[in-house]
Amino acid sequence: MSDDHRRQTTREVPKSPWDRYGWLMAVIWLFFLIYPAIALVESTAAPFWIVIGWVALVVFVVLYVGGFIRGLHQGGGLGRPTSRGQWWIFAGLIACAVVSLPAEGGSALSFLPFIMSFASYGLSRAAHWITTIAAIAITGLWMLLIPEARSYITILVIVLLLGVVNTVSTSLIIRSSEAERLGRELATSAGREAVARDVHDLIGHSLTVVQLKSQLAGRLIDTDPERAKAELADITALTAEAIAGVRATVAGARATTLVEQLASGRDALQSAGVDLRVEGEPAALSPVQSLTASWVLREAITNVLRHAQAKTVTVSIAPGLLSVRDDGRGPGDGAGNGLRGMRERAAAAGAALEFGAGADAGTRVEIRW
């Protein structure tokens, strides 16, 4: 498979519903900006400041929704590097709230919960703490210094509760992300050891057989040339099988996602004259599931190249499921290192692995979460 086709395969993976529609959550919460809008309608300030207030309100909405969408698409925040553009959007949100004060008065405090959430989920941890503390202090001082501001106690309660909620939820998200990252690193380390073991087993077995057959062919070349030719033909077939197996194993070691593993597996199978069919989309599995699934897929394809003598391999992907079926000669009697490695990886990922004969013929390898 060419690099262009591989890149196309990667682009065709559909985005998750959250990536496509998560921005709607930001739109729904904007309903609470009705209070600054009401304050502008009832404002007795100079017309100039009322116009400025309406412009600031519209710009605030555009910046908030746009920044939320930008954060979903480009990442940042929650322990990840934040782009400079997100900081400019954050500064714009604060500026809109400040210029609204002359026309809206205390109702401009309604912008604070949105600014707090943007800092917590879209910027850095330092920005979360500074913004949360500043929002609580500003709301508290407003109520203490301006007697008629006691009616805004509801906003103070909301700011306090939101500060707690944002702190707890973002901490949990960061810890979950860190645990997932460490899990990937540990799994990758185990996968490298497994690849080294697979290559050693494959090369050791193949070279042993090739050595024996070459010695036999050398003894027969004068006494039985026809049988010597047959042994040489077997050596050619064995080396071709070993090369294909090593190619599949090494390609699997380079692949970091299920999409890439499918592409490298297709290349290895095509070189052996085997057709690969894929049912479902890789995006049906979570990132952690995809990592384990890619290793199982690599091992299953390697086994097909080594033993199956198959013409077609079918990979089925669904939420919590990866199935690999071939139409070859079926599973052998014993369980090799490859099968044991797949079971160990599945167990470590909290999944169950099934291995056996297919419904019609061949072999079926299935992992379920």
Protein backbone atom coordinates (compact mmCIF):
# COMPACT_ATOMS: atom_id res chain seq x y z
CA MET A 1 0.00 0.00 0.00
CA SER A 2 1.36 3.39 -0.97
CA ASP A 3 1.99 6.23 1.48
CA ASP A 4 -0.77 8.27 -0.20
CA HIS A 5 -3.29 5.50 0.34
CA ARG A 6 -2.14 5.09 3.93
CA ARG A 7 -2.61 8.80 4.60
CA GLN A 8 -6.04 8.60 2.97
CA THR A 9 -6.96 5.69 5.24
CA THR A 10 -5.98 7.78 8.24
CA ARG A 11 -8.03 10.75 7.08
CA GLU A 12 -11.11 8.63 6.52
CA VAL A 13 -11.40 7.68 10.20
CA PRO A 14 -14.56 9.43 11.39
CA LYS A 15 -14.40 11.83 14.26
CA SER A 16 -16.10 10.95 17.50
CA PRO A 17 -19.49 12.55 18.29
CA TRP A 18 -17.80 14.65 20.97
CA ASP A 19 -15.31 16.06 18.45
CA ARG A 20 -18.13 16.93 16.07
CA TYR A 21 -20.87 18.12 18.44
CA GLY A 22 -19.16 18.89 21.77
CA TRP A 23 -19.27 22.61 20.98
CA LEU A 24 -23.05 22.45 21.45
CA MET A 25 -22.44 22.23 25.21
CA ALA A 26 -20.84 25.68 25.07
CA VAL A 27 -23.85 27.01 23.14
CA ILE A 28 -26.35 25.57 25.65
CA TRP A 29 -24.64 27.22 28.63
CA LEU A 30 -24.69 30.57 26.86
CA PHE A 31 -28.36 30.74 27.83
CA PHE A 32 -27.24 32.24 31.13
CA LEU A 33 -25.94 35.32 29.32
CA ILE A 34 -29.59 36.35 29.18
CA TYR A 35 -28.96 38.26 32.42
CA PRO A 36 -26.41 40.68 30.89
CA ALA A 37 -28.78 41.05 27.91
CA ILE A 38 -31.67 41.96 30.22
CA ALA A 39 -29.40 44.44 32.01
CA LEU A 40 -28.56 46.09 28.69
CA VAL A 41 -32.25 46.36 27.78
CA GLU A 42 -33.04 48.00 31.15
CA SER A 43 -29.81 50.02 31.35
CA THR A 44 -29.97 53.79 32.02
CA ALA A 45 -26.37 54.35 30.94
CA ALA A 46 -25.39 56.60 28.04
CA PRO A 47 -26.36 55.16 24.60
CA PHE A 48 -22.65 54.92 23.72
CA TRP A 49 -22.00 52.47 26.56
CA ILE A 50 -25.15 50.50 25.79
CA VAL A 51 -23.99 50.00 22.20
CA ILE A 52 -20.54 49.01 23.48
CA GLY A 53 -22.22 46.55 25.84
CA TRP A 54 -24.19 44.86 23.04
CA VAL A 55 -21.11 44.62 20.83
CA ALA A 56 -19.10 43.18 23.73
CA LEU A 57 -21.82 40.60 24.42
CA VAL A 58 -21.88 39.42 20.80
CA VAL A 59 -18.08 39.32 20.59
CA PHE A 60 -17.96 37.39 23.89
CA VAL A 61 -20.30 34.73 22.51
CA VAL A 62 -18.28 34.38 19.29
CA LEU A 63 -14.97 34.16 21.16
CA TYR A 64 -16.26 31.67 23.71
CA VAL A 65 -17.81 29.25 21.19
CA GLY A 66 -14.92 29.72 18.75
CA GLY A 67 -12.36 29.09 21.48
CA PHE A 68 -14.22 25.98 22.61
CA ILE A 69 -14.27 24.57 19.06
CA ARG A 70 -10.63 25.50 18.56
CA GLY A 71 -9.68 23.71 21.77
CA LEU A 72 -11.49 20.53 20.68
CA HIS A 73 -9.75 20.48 17.31
CA GLN A 74 -6.26 21.58 18.35
CA GLY A 75 -5.98 20.33 21.91
CA GLY A 76 -4.43 22.27 24.76
CA GLY A 77 -5.32 22.74 28.39
CA LEU A 78 -5.72 20.05 31.05
CA GLY A 79 -1.99 19.46 31.34
CA ARG A 80 -1.24 19.83 27.62
CA PRO A 81 0.58 22.74 25.94
CA THR A 82 -1.68 25.69 25.20
CA SER A 83 -1.44 27.60 21.94
CA ARG A 84 -0.91 31.34 21.91
CA GLY A 85 -4.26 31.80 20.16
CA GLN A 86 -6.14 30.42 23.16
CA TRP A 87 -4.50 33.00 25.39
CA TRP A 88 -5.56 35.80 23.03
CA ILE A 89 -9.13 34.49 23.10
CA PHE A 90 -8.99 34.42 26.91
CA ALA A 91 -7.80 38.05 26.97
CA GLY A 92 -10.63 38.98 24.59
CA LEU A 93 -13.22 37.40 26.91
CA ILE A 94 -11.91 39.42 29.86
CA ALA A 95 -11.90 42.62 27.79
CA CYS A 96 -15.53 42.08 26.75
CA ALA A 97 -16.57 41.66 30.38
CA VAL A 98 -14.68 44.81 31.45
CA VAL A 99 -16.11 47.13 28.76
CA SER A 100 -19.63 45.87 29.63
CA LEU A 101 -19.44 47.23 33.18
CA PRO A 102 -20.60 50.82 32.47
CA ALA A 103 -23.82 49.63 30.82
CA GLU A 104 -24.53 46.42 32.77
CA GLY A 105 -23.19 47.14 36.21
CA GLY A 106 -23.19 44.08 38.46
CA SER A 107 -24.77 41.91 35.76
CA ALA A 108 -21.36 41.88 34.05
CA LEU A 109 -20.34 39.43 36.80
CA SER A 110 -22.35 36.84 34.84
CA PHE A 111 -19.40 36.62 32.45
CA LEU A 112 -17.15 35.24 35.21
CA PRO A 113 -18.37 31.60 35.18
CA PHE A 114 -17.66 31.38 31.44
CA ILE A 115 -14.22 32.92 31.84
CA MET A 116 -13.47 30.50 34.70
CA SER A 117 -14.50 27.45 32.67
CA PHE A 118 -12.47 28.58 29.65
CA ALA A 119 -9.38 28.96 31.83
CA SER A 120 -9.94 25.61 33.56
CA TYR A 121 -10.53 23.45 30.49
CA GLY A 122 -8.73 25.38 27.75
CA LEU A 123 -5.64 26.86 29.41
CA SER A 124 -3.09 25.81 32.04
CA ARG A 125 -3.50 24.75 35.65
CA ALA A 126 -1.94 28.01 36.79
CA ALA A 127 -4.54 29.91 34.74
CA HIS A 128 -7.29 27.82 36.36
CA TRP A 129 -6.20 28.69 39.90
CA ILE A 130 -5.50 32.35 39.20
CA THR A 131 -8.81 32.86 37.38
CA THR A 132 -10.83 30.98 40.00
CA ILE A 133 -9.35 32.93 42.92
CA ALA A 134 -9.68 36.23 41.05
CA ALA A 135 -13.33 35.56 40.15
CA ILE A 136 -14.21 34.74 43.79
CA ALA A 137 -12.34 37.82 45.02
CA ILE A 138 -13.94 40.15 42.46
CA THR A 139 -17.46 38.92 43.21
CA GLY A 140 -16.89 39.10 46.98
CA LEU A 141 -15.42 42.60 46.86
CA TRP A 142 -18.25 43.81 44.61
CA MET A 143 -20.79 42.71 47.20
CA LEU A 144 -18.82 44.18 50.12
CA LEU A 145 -18.06 47.57 48.57
CA ILE A 146 -21.36 48.23 46.81
CA PRO A 147 -24.38 48.01 49.16
CA GLU A 148 -26.97 47.47 46.42
CA ALA A 149 -24.91 44.57 45.07
CA ARG A 150 -26.26 42.17 47.73
CA SER A 151 -28.78 40.95 45.16
CA TYR A 152 -25.93 39.33 43.26
CA ILE A 153 -25.25 36.75 45.97
CA THR A 154 -26.52 34.08 43.57
CA ILE A 155 -23.59 34.82 41.27
CA LEU A 156 -21.17 34.49 44.20
CA VAL A 157 -22.63 31.07 45.04
CA ILE A 158 -22.37 29.99 41.40
CA VAL A 159 -18.76 31.17 41.21
CA LEU A 160 -17.84 29.30 44.40
CA LEU A 161 -19.55 26.08 43.31
CA LEU A 162 -18.10 26.30 39.81
CA GLY A 163 -14.62 26.79 41.24
CA VAL A 164 -14.98 23.54 43.22
CA VAL A 165 -16.51 21.63 40.30
CA ASN A 166 -13.87 22.80 37.82
CA THR A 167 -11.05 21.97 40.22
CA VAL A 168 -12.30 18.45 40.92
CA SER A 169 -13.32 17.56 37.38
CA THR A 170 -10.15 18.86 35.71
CA SER A 171 -8.00 17.09 38.31
CA LEU A 172 -9.78 13.81 37.58
CA ILE A 173 -9.43 14.31 33.82
CA ILE A 174 -5.71 15.05 34.13
CA ARG A 175 -5.13 12.02 36.36
CA SER A 176 -7.07 9.81 33.98
CA SER A 177 -5.07 11.11 31.03
CA GLU A 178 -1.80 10.59 32.88
CA ALA A 179 -2.78 7.05 33.86
CA GLU A 180 -3.71 6.30 30.25
CA ARG A 181 -0.37 7.68 29.05
CA LEU A 182 1.56 5.56 31.55
CA GLY A 183 -0.50 2.54 30.53
CA ARG A 184 0.44 3.14 26.90
CA GLU A 185 4.12 3.41 27.80
CA LEU A 186 4.06 0.18 29.79
CA ALA A 187 2.13 -1.60 27.08
CA THR A 188 4.52 -0.30 24.42
CA SER A 189 7.49 -1.58 26.42
CA ALA A 190 5.87 -4.99 26.74
CA GLY A 191 5.07 -4.93 23.03
CA ARG A 192 8.70 -4.29 22.13
CA GLU A 193 9.77 -7.28 24.20
CA ALA A 194 7.13 -9.38 22.47
CA VAL A 195 8.33 -8.24 19.03
CA ALA A 196 11.91 -9.18 19.91
CA ARG A 197 10.73 -12.60 21.08
CA ASP A 198 8.64 -13.12 17.96
CA VAL A 199 11.50 -12.22 15.62
CA HIS A 200 13.86 -14.50 17.55
CA ASP A 201 11.43 -17.41 17.45
CA LEU A 202 10.64 -16.90 13.78
CA ILE A 203 14.25 -16.58 12.60
CA GLY A 204 15.52 -19.34 14.89
CA HIS A 205 12.95 -21.86 13.69
CA SER A 206 13.28 -20.96 10.01
CA LEU A 207 17.08 -20.97 9.98
CA THR A 208 17.18 -24.33 11.76
CA VAL A 209 14.94 -25.91 9.15
CA VAL A 210 16.84 -24.24 6.29
CA GLN A 211 20.14 -25.54 7.69
CA LEU A 212 18.87 -29.11 7.89
CA LYS A 213 17.38 -29.02 4.41
CA SER A 214 20.50 -27.45 2.87
CA GLN A 215 22.66 -30.16 4.44
CA LEU A 216 20.33 -32.83 3.09
CA ALA A 217 20.32 -31.24 -0.37
CA GLY A 218 24.11 -31.19 -0.34
CA ARG A 219 24.22 -34.91 0.36
CA LEU A 220 21.62 -35.71 -2.29
CA ILE A 221 22.83 -33.47 -5.10
CA ASP A 222 25.02 -36.28 -6.57
CA THR A 223 22.97 -39.36 -5.68
CA ASP A 224 19.40 -38.07 -6.07
CA PRO A 225 19.31 -34.75 -7.99
CA GLU A 226 15.51 -34.65 -8.19
CA ARG A 227 15.05 -34.95 -4.44
CA ALA A 228 17.82 -32.36 -3.96
CA LYS A 229 15.86 -29.97 -6.18
CA ALA A 230 12.75 -30.59 -4.09
CA GLU A 231 14.67 -29.78 -0.91
CA LEU A 232 16.00 -26.58 -2.50
CA ALA A 233 12.45 -25.62 -3.48
CA ASP A 234 11.38 -26.13 0.16
CA ILE A 235 14.26 -23.90 1.28
CA THR A 236 13.07 -21.18 -1.10
CA ALA A 237 9.52 -21.45 0.26
CA LEU A 238 10.74 -21.38 3.88
CA THR A 239 12.88 -18.30 3.35
CA ALA A 240 10.01 -16.51 1.60
CA GLU A 241 7.69 -17.34 4.52
CA ALA A 242 10.30 -16.17 7.04
CA ILE A 243 10.82 -12.89 5.18
CA ALA A 244 7.08 -12.26 5.08
CA GLY A 245 6.78 -13.05 8.78
CA VAL A 246 9.63 -10.74 9.73
CA ARG A 247 8.18 -8.02 7.51
CA ALA A 248 4.82 -8.32 9.25
CA THR A 249 6.39 -8.34 12.71
CA VAL A 250 8.66 -5.35 12.08
CA ALA A 251 5.87 -3.42 10.37
CA GLY A 252 3.69 -4.09 13.40
CA ALA A 253 6.41 -2.78 15.71
CA ARG A 254 6.49 0.50 13.78
CA ALA A 255 2.70 0.92 13.75
CA THR A 256 1.39 3.00 16.62
CA THR A 257 -2.34 2.98 15.85
CA LEU A 258 -4.87 0.44 14.70
CA VAL A 259 -5.23 2.34 11.40
CA GLU A 260 -1.49 2.05 10.74
CA GLN A 261 -1.48 -1.61 11.79
CA LEU A 262 -4.26 -2.35 9.32
CA ALA A 263 -2.23 -0.65 6.59
CA SER A 264 1.01 -2.49 7.40
CA GLY A 265 -0.88 -5.78 7.77
CA ARG A 266 -2.46 -5.31 4.37
CA ASP A 267 0.99 -4.78 2.84
CA ALA A 268 2.41 -7.93 4.46
CA LEU A 269 -0.58 -10.07 3.46
CA GLN A 270 -0.59 -8.79 -0.11
CA SER A 271 3.08 -9.75 -0.44
CA ALA A 272 2.04 -13.32 0.43
CA GLY A 273 -0.95 -13.29 -1.95
CA VAL A 274 -3.55 -12.96 0.84
CA ASP A 275 -6.50 -10.54 0.59
CA LEU A 276 -7.44 -8.42 3.63
CA ARG A 277 -11.04 -7.33 4.20
CA VAL A 278 -12.00 -4.86 6.92
CA GLU A 279 -15.50 -4.58 8.41
CA GLY A 280 -16.19 -1.61 10.68
CA GLU A 281 -14.11 1.45 11.60
CA PRO A 282 -11.03 1.67 13.87
CA ALA A 283 -12.65 4.64 15.63
CA ALA A 284 -15.15 2.23 17.21
CA LEU A 285 -12.45 1.34 19.76
CA SER A 286 -11.05 3.71 22.39
CA PRO A 287 -7.35 4.72 22.15
CA VAL A 288 -6.34 2.23 24.87
CA GLN A 289 -8.39 -0.56 23.28
CA SER A 290 -6.90 0.26 19.87
CA LEU A 291 -3.38 -0.16 21.24
CA THR A 292 -4.08 -3.69 22.48
CA ALA A 293 -6.12 -4.49 19.38
CA SER A 294 -3.24 -3.46 17.11
CA TRP A 295 -0.90 -5.92 18.87
CA VAL A 296 -3.44 -8.72 18.64
CA LEU A 297 -3.99 -7.93 14.96
CA ARG A 298 -0.24 -7.94 14.30
CA GLU A 299 0.19 -11.32 15.98
CA ALA A 300 -2.84 -12.79 14.20
CA ILE A 301 -1.54 -11.66 10.80
CA THR A 302 1.90 -13.06 11.61
CA ASN A 303 0.30 -16.42 12.43
CA VAL A 304 -1.63 -16.34 9.15
CA LEU A 305 1.62 -15.77 7.25
CA ARG A 306 3.39 -18.54 9.14
CA HIS A 307 0.82 -21.30 9.31
CA ALA A 308 -2.62 -20.64 7.84
CA GLN A 309 -2.10 -21.04 4.08
CA ALA A 310 -5.11 -18.74 3.74
CA LYS A 311 -6.41 -16.77 0.78
CA THR A 312 -8.51 -14.23 2.69
CA VAL A 313 -8.33 -12.58 6.10
CA THR A 314 -11.36 -10.70 7.47
CA VAL A 315 -10.97 -8.14 10.28
CA SER A 316 -14.17 -7.05 12.05
CA ILE A 317 -14.15 -3.98 14.33
CA ALA A 318 -17.02 -2.90 16.59
CA PRO A 319 -17.29 -1.15 19.97
CA GLY A 320 -15.39 -3.35 22.42
CA LEU A 321 -14.58 -6.00 19.77
CA LEU A 322 -11.83 -6.98 17.33
CA SER A 323 -12.16 -10.21 15.36
CA VAL A 324 -9.64 -11.69 12.89
CA ARG A 325 -10.79 -14.63 10.74
CA ASP A 326 -9.02 -16.48 7.93
CA ASP A 327 -10.03 -19.23 5.52
CA GLY A 328 -6.88 -21.28 5.99
CA ARG A 329 -6.28 -24.76 7.31
CA GLY A 330 -7.43 -24.00 10.85
CA PRO A 331 -5.72 -23.78 14.26
CA GLY A 332 -3.02 -26.21 15.26
CA ASP A 333 -3.01 -28.48 18.27
CA GLY A 334 -0.61 -26.57 20.50
CA ALA A 335 -0.49 -23.02 21.86
CA GLY A 336 2.67 -21.21 20.83
CA ASN A 337 4.34 -18.15 22.30
CA GLY A 338 2.30 -15.90 20.03
CA LEU A 339 -1.04 -17.10 21.42
CA ARG A 340 0.22 -16.92 24.98
CA GLY A 341 1.43 -13.37 24.34
CA MET A 342 -1.97 -12.36 22.96
CA ARG A 343 -3.76 -13.80 26.00
CA GLU A 344 -1.39 -11.97 28.35
CA ARG A 345 -1.89 -8.65 26.58
CA ALA A 346 -5.66 -9.09 26.52
CA ALA A 347 -5.75 -9.90 30.24
CA ALA A 348 -3.56 -6.89 31.03
CA ALA A 349 -6.00 -4.68 29.09
CA GLY A 350 -9.03 -6.09 30.93
CA ALA A 351 -10.24 -8.00 27.87
CA ALA A 352 -10.95 -11.64 27.02
CA LEU A 353 -9.32 -13.37 24.05
CA GLU A 354 -10.87 -16.30 22.19
CA PHE A 355 -8.93 -18.50 19.78
CA GLY A 356 -10.23 -21.41 17.79
CA ALA A 357 -11.66 -22.69 14.56
CA GLY A 358 -13.83 -20.40 12.45
CA ALA A 359 -17.52 -20.97 11.82
CA ASP A 360 -16.89 -22.40 8.35
CA ALA A 361 -13.15 -22.99 8.12
CA GLY A 362 -9.84 -21.45 9.10
CA THR A 363 -8.98 -19.77 12.38
CA ARG A 364 -10.70 -17.09 14.45
CA VAL A 365 -9.01 -14.76 16.93
CA GLU A 366 -11.33 -12.47 18.88
CA ILE A 367 -10.71 -9.97 21.67
CA ARG A 368 -13.60 -8.47 23.67
CA TRP A 369 -13.79 -5.79 26.37
